[in-house]
Amino acid sequence: MGGAAALEKLMPVVLAFGAGVLLARRKVVPAESSKVFADYAFLFAVPCYLFGNIYGADLSALFAWRAIGGYAAAAALAVVLVAAASALAGIREPRDVALRVMAGVQVNTAYFAVPVFITFFGTAAPIFPVLLFQVCVLSLVVISIMELGRSGPGAGSTAQKLTRAVGASLVTPVVLSCNAGILLNLLSVHVPTVVLDGAAFVGDSASPVALFALGLHLGGMGLDIRGTTREELALIGFKCLAFPLLAWAVCGVLFGVRGPWLTYLVLIAAMPTPQNLFIFAQRYEVGVDLSASVVIKSSVVSLLLLPLWLQTVAG
């Protein structure tokens, strides 16, 4: 796909995202309402989209184990690199390291990857297995470290902390909808057409609403480029450049992934840091300012680099 074609495909993404930024900056739509739009997308629209598409998918084609294994290996290597870099920088507190690992390795699936893939490829199906891996493995590890580092009243025992971590990872609407779609698909359970049509109707709104919410959030927070620290630059650079290149090398060279799946995996790796980073930082009181800045700035950088990545890996 040429640069012009990539930019043309990107226009709906820019329109929804840019409208959110503009309306928030001009105070036409309160920036605080981004949470309402984001909650609608994350708690309802995206799960509806995921459920309907996974239920009707060919799971044998959807779960390409060589591709998923390659991405998991690339993510594991990225975790080691970020953790090692944090240690060299003098950051050794486990929760601080876990936060930086999440910033550099996890990707924004629900609010960014899903709408981008729908726009470019007409489907977000390739994201499903990576999403499950991210939530059930990467997020579980990060939340476990955060929970184990908690102290004070109500912290509970080690077993209670781990139970909370596992529960928090597995009961999100996105994971539940994916698992429900997989289970009903495997069992060949008939889901009424009216239910699937309803899920599709709601799911179609996931892409623009998620991007609009992200734009509102950015427009309200602002973008202080001059105040960007060296650590923020390093994390954003790793997330938006190094990790996609690492995924390309590991998946393509070591695991022999070719064709569309290599394109999918590189683009997924090129997605920005997830908003959940900021939510976790607030909840556990770790690196709140750093997380907010990385989420916003990596979103902008990823959006700017998307045509380049698409032209490079699919060209």
Protein backbone atom coordinates (compact mmCIF):
# COMPACT_ATOMS: atom_id res chain seq x y z
CA MET A 1 0.00 0.00 0.00
CA GLY A 2 1.46 3.36 -1.05
CA GLY A 3 1.80 6.40 1.17
CA ALA A 4 -1.12 8.21 -0.45
CA ALA A 5 -3.39 5.19 -0.08
CA ALA A 6 -2.36 4.79 3.56
CA LEU A 7 -3.13 8.44 4.27
CA GLU A 8 -6.49 8.10 2.54
CA LYS A 9 -7.33 5.08 4.69
CA LEU A 10 -6.25 7.01 7.77
CA MET A 11 -8.63 9.92 7.20
CA PRO A 12 -11.60 8.45 9.16
CA VAL A 13 -9.24 7.85 12.10
CA VAL A 14 -7.91 11.41 11.92
CA LEU A 15 -11.44 12.81 11.58
CA ALA A 16 -12.84 11.07 14.67
CA PHE A 17 -9.69 11.64 16.75
CA GLY A 18 -9.19 15.22 15.55
CA ALA A 19 -12.83 16.17 16.13
CA GLY A 20 -12.49 15.10 19.76
CA VAL A 21 -9.34 17.19 20.20
CA LEU A 22 -10.86 20.27 18.51
CA LEU A 23 -14.19 20.15 20.34
CA ALA A 24 -12.48 19.69 23.69
CA ARG A 25 -10.01 22.53 23.05
CA ARG A 26 -12.84 24.86 22.06
CA LYS A 27 -14.88 23.64 25.05
CA VAL A 28 -17.82 22.74 22.80
CA VAL A 29 -17.81 19.29 24.37
CA PRO A 30 -16.42 19.09 27.93
CA ALA A 31 -13.16 17.17 28.01
CA GLU A 32 -14.40 15.46 31.17
CA SER A 33 -17.06 13.71 29.11
CA SER A 34 -14.31 11.66 27.46
CA LYS A 35 -14.75 9.19 30.31
CA VAL A 36 -18.42 8.71 29.39
CA PHE A 37 -17.59 8.03 25.74
CA ALA A 38 -14.64 5.81 26.71
CA ASP A 39 -16.78 3.82 29.15
CA TYR A 40 -19.42 3.29 26.47
CA ALA A 41 -16.78 2.04 24.04
CA PHE A 42 -14.86 -0.12 26.51
CA LEU A 43 -17.76 -1.51 28.54
CA PHE A 44 -20.34 -1.98 25.79
CA ALA A 45 -19.52 -1.23 22.13
CA VAL A 46 -16.14 -2.96 21.85
CA PRO A 47 -17.33 -6.10 23.73
CA CYS A 48 -20.35 -6.29 21.39
CA TYR A 49 -18.05 -6.02 18.38
CA LEU A 50 -15.66 -8.63 19.71
CA PHE A 51 -18.35 -11.11 20.67
CA GLY A 52 -20.14 -11.04 17.32
CA ASN A 53 -16.98 -11.28 15.26
CA ILE A 54 -15.34 -14.03 17.32
CA TYR A 55 -18.55 -16.06 17.41
CA GLY A 56 -18.78 -15.99 13.62
CA ALA A 57 -15.05 -16.43 12.96
CA ASP A 58 -13.07 -19.43 11.80
CA LEU A 59 -11.07 -19.98 14.98
CA SER A 60 -8.50 -22.17 13.27
CA ALA A 61 -7.58 -19.23 11.04
CA LEU A 62 -8.01 -16.64 13.78
CA PHE A 63 -5.60 -18.30 16.22
CA ALA A 64 -2.48 -18.61 14.06
CA TRP A 65 -0.26 -20.12 16.72
CA ARG A 66 3.05 -19.43 14.98
CA ALA A 67 2.13 -15.75 14.71
CA ILE A 68 0.86 -15.56 18.29
CA GLY A 69 3.95 -17.37 19.55
CA GLY A 70 6.17 -14.93 17.66
CA TYR A 71 4.39 -11.94 19.14
CA ALA A 72 4.57 -13.44 22.64
CA ALA A 73 8.32 -14.00 22.23
CA ALA A 74 8.82 -10.42 20.99
CA ALA A 75 6.80 -9.09 23.94
CA ALA A 76 8.81 -11.19 26.41
CA LEU A 77 12.07 -9.87 24.96
CA ALA A 78 10.70 -6.32 25.12
CA VAL A 79 9.79 -6.82 28.79
CA VAL A 80 13.37 -7.91 29.55
CA LEU A 81 14.81 -4.92 27.67
CA VAL A 82 12.61 -2.36 29.42
CA ALA A 83 13.22 -3.92 32.84
CA ALA A 84 16.98 -3.96 32.22
CA ALA A 85 16.97 -0.35 31.03
CA SER A 86 15.01 0.66 34.13
CA ALA A 87 17.54 -1.08 36.37
CA LEU A 88 20.43 0.66 34.60
CA ALA A 89 18.65 3.97 35.19
CA GLY A 90 18.51 3.21 38.92
CA ILE A 91 14.82 2.23 39.00
CA ARG A 92 14.54 -0.93 41.06
CA GLU A 93 11.24 -0.69 42.96
CA PRO A 94 9.14 -3.51 41.40
CA ARG A 95 6.00 -1.39 40.94
CA ASP A 96 7.94 1.38 39.18
CA VAL A 97 9.56 -1.16 36.87
CA ALA A 98 6.20 -2.85 36.16
CA LEU A 99 4.67 0.51 35.22
CA ARG A 100 7.46 1.20 32.74
CA VAL A 101 7.19 -2.30 31.28
CA MET A 102 3.50 -1.72 30.70
CA ALA A 103 4.23 1.66 29.09
CA GLY A 104 6.75 0.16 26.67
CA VAL A 105 5.18 -3.19 25.81
CA GLN A 106 1.39 -3.14 26.18
CA VAL A 107 -0.71 -1.70 23.38
CA ASN A 108 -3.93 0.28 23.24
CA THR A 109 -6.26 -2.33 21.74
CA ALA A 110 -9.80 -1.23 22.55
CA TYR A 111 -9.48 2.51 21.94
CA PHE A 112 -6.89 2.55 19.16
CA ALA A 113 -6.05 -0.79 17.54
CA VAL A 114 -9.66 -1.93 17.02
CA PRO A 115 -10.77 1.25 15.18
CA VAL A 116 -7.54 1.44 13.18
CA PHE A 117 -7.80 -2.19 12.03
CA ILE A 118 -11.47 -1.78 11.13
CA THR A 119 -10.54 1.27 9.05
CA PHE A 120 -7.56 -0.32 7.28
CA PHE A 121 -8.62 -3.95 6.94
CA GLY A 122 -12.39 -3.96 7.51
CA THR A 123 -11.99 -6.23 10.53
CA ALA A 124 -10.30 -6.25 13.93
CA ALA A 125 -10.17 -10.07 14.10
CA PRO A 126 -6.33 -10.33 14.12
CA ILE A 127 -6.29 -8.32 17.35
CA PHE A 128 -8.37 -10.84 19.33
CA PRO A 129 -5.67 -13.41 20.17
CA VAL A 130 -3.12 -10.69 20.96
CA LEU A 131 -5.70 -8.93 23.14
CA LEU A 132 -6.31 -12.12 25.14
CA PHE A 133 -2.56 -12.68 25.53
CA GLN A 134 -2.07 -9.12 26.67
CA VAL A 135 -4.88 -9.13 29.22
CA CYS A 136 -4.47 -12.67 30.52
CA VAL A 137 -0.65 -12.67 30.66
CA LEU A 138 0.96 -9.21 30.52
CA SER A 139 -1.71 -7.36 32.48
CA LEU A 140 -1.96 -10.19 34.99
CA VAL A 141 1.77 -9.95 35.72
CA VAL A 142 1.66 -6.15 36.06
CA ILE A 143 -1.43 -6.16 38.29
CA SER A 144 0.07 -8.92 40.44
CA ILE A 145 3.23 -6.89 41.03
CA MET A 146 1.14 -3.81 41.81
CA GLU A 147 -1.08 -5.72 44.23
CA LEU A 148 1.85 -7.41 45.98
CA GLY A 149 3.40 -3.98 46.49
CA ARG A 150 0.33 -2.58 48.20
CA SER A 151 0.46 -1.89 51.91
CA GLY A 152 -1.75 -0.42 54.58
CA PRO A 153 -5.34 -1.19 55.69
CA GLY A 154 -7.27 -3.47 53.37
CA ALA A 155 -4.19 -4.68 51.50
CA GLY A 156 -4.79 -8.26 52.62
CA SER A 157 -2.56 -11.31 52.49
CA THR A 158 -0.43 -12.39 49.54
CA ALA A 159 -3.10 -14.90 48.47
CA GLN A 160 -5.81 -12.23 48.61
CA LYS A 161 -3.68 -9.82 46.57
CA LEU A 162 -3.05 -12.44 43.87
CA THR A 163 -6.74 -13.36 43.82
CA ARG A 164 -7.63 -9.72 43.25
CA ALA A 165 -5.05 -9.51 40.46
CA VAL A 166 -6.38 -12.58 38.65
CA GLY A 167 -9.97 -11.42 39.09
CA ALA A 168 -9.22 -7.92 37.81
CA SER A 169 -7.58 -9.38 34.68
CA LEU A 170 -10.25 -11.91 33.78
CA VAL A 171 -13.55 -10.18 34.48
CA THR A 172 -13.24 -7.13 32.23
CA PRO A 173 -16.04 -6.89 29.62
CA VAL A 174 -13.55 -7.19 26.75
CA VAL A 175 -12.13 -10.49 28.05
CA LEU A 176 -15.56 -11.86 28.97
CA SER A 177 -16.96 -11.09 25.51
CA CYS A 178 -13.96 -12.73 23.81
CA ASN A 179 -14.21 -15.84 25.96
CA ALA A 180 -17.98 -16.04 25.46
CA GLY A 181 -17.57 -15.78 21.69
CA ILE A 182 -14.88 -18.48 21.65
CA LEU A 183 -16.88 -20.84 23.90
CA LEU A 184 -20.15 -20.53 21.97
CA ASN A 185 -18.24 -20.88 18.70
CA LEU A 186 -16.50 -24.06 19.82
CA LEU A 187 -19.73 -25.56 21.20
CA SER A 188 -21.65 -24.58 18.06
CA VAL A 189 -24.34 -22.97 20.21
CA HIS A 190 -26.95 -21.19 18.13
CA VAL A 191 -27.17 -17.50 18.97
CA PRO A 192 -30.35 -15.86 17.63
CA THR A 193 -29.82 -13.65 14.61
CA VAL A 194 -31.54 -10.75 16.35
CA VAL A 195 -28.89 -10.88 19.10
CA LEU A 196 -26.03 -10.95 16.59
CA ASP A 197 -27.59 -8.11 14.58
CA GLY A 198 -27.95 -6.07 17.76
CA ALA A 199 -24.34 -6.72 18.71
CA ALA A 200 -23.21 -5.73 15.22
CA PHE A 201 -25.27 -2.51 15.33
CA VAL A 202 -23.72 -1.47 18.65
CA GLY A 203 -20.27 -2.76 17.68
CA ASP A 204 -20.18 -0.57 14.57
CA SER A 205 -20.09 2.47 16.86
CA ALA A 206 -17.03 1.22 18.76
CA SER A 207 -14.45 2.56 16.33
CA PRO A 208 -15.51 6.23 15.99
CA VAL A 209 -16.61 6.58 19.62
CA ALA A 210 -13.34 5.16 20.98
CA LEU A 211 -11.26 7.50 18.82
CA PHE A 212 -13.48 10.47 19.67
CA ALA A 213 -13.08 9.72 23.38
CA LEU A 214 -9.30 9.55 22.99
CA GLY A 215 -9.35 12.88 21.16
CA LEU A 216 -11.43 14.50 23.91
CA HIS A 217 -8.99 13.19 26.50
CA LEU A 218 -6.01 14.61 24.60
CA GLY A 219 -7.76 17.93 23.96
CA GLY A 220 -8.52 18.32 27.66
CA MET A 221 -5.09 17.27 28.95
CA GLY A 222 -3.10 19.29 26.44
CA LEU A 223 0.24 18.37 24.90
CA ASP A 224 3.27 19.85 26.62
CA ILE A 225 6.05 18.94 24.20
CA ARG A 226 8.67 21.18 25.83
CA GLY A 227 8.15 19.49 29.17
CA THR A 228 8.88 16.01 27.80
CA THR A 229 11.55 14.30 29.90
CA ARG A 230 14.31 12.04 28.60
CA GLU A 231 12.63 9.05 30.24
CA GLU A 232 9.34 9.84 28.49
CA LEU A 233 11.15 10.15 25.16
CA ALA A 234 12.85 6.80 25.75
CA LEU A 235 9.58 5.03 26.59
CA ILE A 236 7.71 6.60 23.67
CA GLY A 237 10.58 5.79 21.30
CA PHE A 238 10.68 2.20 22.47
CA LYS A 239 6.91 1.79 22.24
CA CYS A 240 6.41 3.43 18.84
CA LEU A 241 9.64 2.45 17.07
CA ALA A 242 11.71 -0.21 18.83
CA PHE A 243 8.90 -2.59 19.78
CA PRO A 244 7.38 -2.74 16.26
CA LEU A 245 10.85 -3.34 14.80
CA LEU A 246 11.45 -6.03 17.42
CA ALA A 247 8.13 -7.68 16.54
CA TRP A 248 9.07 -7.54 12.86
CA ALA A 249 12.45 -9.18 13.50
CA VAL A 250 11.29 -11.86 15.96
CA CYS A 251 8.07 -12.80 14.15
CA GLY A 252 9.45 -12.53 10.61
CA VAL A 253 13.00 -13.83 11.02
CA LEU A 254 12.89 -16.20 13.99
CA PHE A 255 9.34 -17.53 13.65
CA GLY A 256 8.99 -17.30 9.88
CA VAL A 257 5.69 -15.39 9.95
CA ARG A 258 4.88 -14.05 6.48
CA GLY A 259 2.12 -12.28 4.61
CA PRO A 260 -0.80 -10.50 6.27
CA TRP A 261 -0.06 -11.82 9.76
CA LEU A 262 3.35 -10.15 9.82
CA THR A 263 1.68 -6.88 8.84
CA TYR A 264 -0.94 -7.32 11.56
CA LEU A 265 1.59 -8.06 14.30
CA VAL A 266 3.88 -5.15 13.46
CA LEU A 267 0.95 -2.74 13.35
CA ILE A 268 -0.38 -4.06 16.66
CA ALA A 269 3.05 -3.54 18.23
CA ALA A 270 3.08 0.01 16.81
CA MET A 271 -0.11 0.96 18.65
CA PRO A 272 0.32 3.47 21.51
CA THR A 273 0.54 2.86 25.24
CA PRO A 274 -2.92 1.93 26.64
CA GLN A 275 -5.01 4.29 28.75
CA ASN A 276 -5.08 1.56 31.39
CA LEU A 277 -1.53 2.61 32.27
CA PHE A 278 -2.88 5.88 33.67
CA ILE A 279 -5.72 4.05 35.45
CA PHE A 280 -3.26 1.64 37.10
CA ALA A 281 -0.93 4.50 38.03
CA GLN A 282 -3.76 6.35 39.76
CA ARG A 283 -5.06 3.25 41.50
CA TYR A 284 -1.66 2.21 42.87
CA GLU A 285 -0.21 5.75 43.20
CA VAL A 286 2.84 5.03 41.05
CA GLY A 287 4.19 7.40 38.36
CA VAL A 288 0.89 9.18 37.70
CA ASP A 289 2.39 12.16 35.82
CA LEU A 290 4.72 9.94 33.79
CA SER A 291 1.90 7.60 32.76
CA ALA A 292 -0.44 10.43 31.70
CA SER A 293 2.26 12.02 29.55
CA VAL A 294 3.33 8.75 27.88
CA VAL A 295 -0.28 7.76 27.08
CA ILE A 296 -1.06 11.07 25.40
CA LYS A 297 2.20 11.57 23.54
CA SER A 298 2.54 7.97 22.35
CA SER A 299 -1.00 8.24 20.93
CA VAL A 300 0.00 11.24 18.83
CA VAL A 301 3.30 9.70 17.70
CA SER A 302 1.62 6.39 16.80
CA LEU A 303 -1.02 8.19 14.77
CA LEU A 304 1.66 10.09 12.84
CA LEU A 305 3.71 6.94 12.19
CA LEU A 306 0.82 4.72 11.08
CA PRO A 307 1.08 5.52 7.34
CA LEU A 308 4.83 4.82 7.48
CA TRP A 309 4.38 1.46 9.20
CA LEU A 310 1.58 0.43 6.87
CA GLN A 311 3.57 1.35 3.77
CA THR A 312 6.70 -0.40 5.12
CA VAL A 313 5.23 -3.72 6.21
CA ALA A 314 2.52 -4.04 3.56
CA GLY A 315 4.25 -2.33 0.68
